Amino acid sequence: MYKKLSFILFLIGLLSIVVGMPYLLGYSTNKLLAYPLYIGLIVAVVFAPKINMKNVFKNIKK
């Protein structure tokens, strides 16, 4: 359940970044677009999918 919820929040963070991108690129001067951009960055980083490093190193050794 936690993995599904964190993945959904990660996708919401990515969507927020895309919504705020015109402000970052200078196409819009609307300050309201800055909030989803920065909040989306924080949410996407916090809820980014975790990589199981044990499996990664196991596959490299084979």
Protein backbone atom coordinates (compact mmCIF):
# COMPACT_ATOMS: atom_id res chain seq x y z
CA MET A 1 0.00 0.00 0.00
CA TYR A 2 2.82 2.41 0.90
CA LYS A 3 4.61 1.73 -2.40
CA LYS A 4 1.47 2.47 -4.41
CA LEU A 5 0.79 5.68 -2.48
CA SER A 6 4.38 6.87 -2.76
CA PHE A 7 4.40 6.15 -6.51
CA ILE A 8 1.20 8.16 -6.96
CA LEU A 9 2.68 11.07 -4.98
CA PHE A 10 5.84 10.80 -7.10
CA LEU A 11 3.73 11.12 -10.26
CA ILE A 12 1.87 14.10 -8.79
CA GLY A 13 5.24 15.71 -8.08
CA LEU A 14 6.35 15.17 -11.68
CA LEU A 15 3.08 16.63 -12.96
CA SER A 16 3.54 19.67 -10.71
CA ILE A 17 7.03 20.18 -12.11
CA VAL A 18 5.64 20.12 -15.65
CA VAL A 19 2.93 22.64 -14.71
CA GLY A 20 5.49 25.03 -13.20
CA MET A 21 8.02 24.66 -16.02
CA PRO A 22 6.83 27.72 -18.06
CA TYR A 23 7.67 29.93 -15.07
CA LEU A 24 11.15 28.44 -14.80
CA LEU A 25 11.82 28.83 -18.52
CA GLY A 26 10.63 32.44 -18.53
CA TYR A 27 7.56 31.96 -20.74
CA SER A 28 5.26 33.12 -17.95
CA THR A 29 5.65 35.78 -15.27
CA ASN A 30 2.79 34.37 -13.19
CA LYS A 31 4.20 33.87 -9.69
CA LEU A 32 1.54 31.24 -8.92
CA LEU A 33 3.34 28.84 -11.26
CA ALA A 34 6.42 28.96 -9.04
CA TYR A 35 4.69 27.15 -6.17
CA PRO A 36 3.82 23.93 -8.01
CA LEU A 37 7.31 23.89 -9.52
CA TYR A 38 9.17 23.99 -6.22
CA ILE A 39 6.67 21.93 -4.22
CA GLY A 40 6.63 19.37 -7.04
CA LEU A 41 10.42 19.12 -6.88
CA ILE A 42 10.31 18.45 -3.15
CA VAL A 43 7.50 15.88 -3.44
CA ALA A 44 9.18 14.08 -6.36
CA VAL A 45 12.49 13.81 -4.50
CA VAL A 46 10.94 12.67 -1.21
CA PHE A 47 8.72 10.03 -2.82
CA ALA A 48 11.10 8.88 -5.55
CA PRO A 49 11.07 5.09 -5.99
CA LYS A 50 13.78 3.43 -3.95
CA ILE A 51 16.22 1.08 -5.66
CA ASN A 52 17.00 -2.22 -3.96
CA MET A 53 20.80 -2.09 -4.03
CA LYS A 54 21.20 -5.74 -2.96
CA ASN A 55 19.54 -6.91 -6.16
CA VAL A 56 21.58 -4.47 -8.27
CA PHE A 57 24.90 -5.72 -6.92
CA LYS A 58 23.76 -9.35 -7.13
CA ASN A 59 23.08 -8.95 -10.85
CA ILE A 60 26.46 -7.27 -11.44
CA LYS A 61 28.40 -10.11 -9.79
CA LYS A 62 26.78 -12.75 -12.03
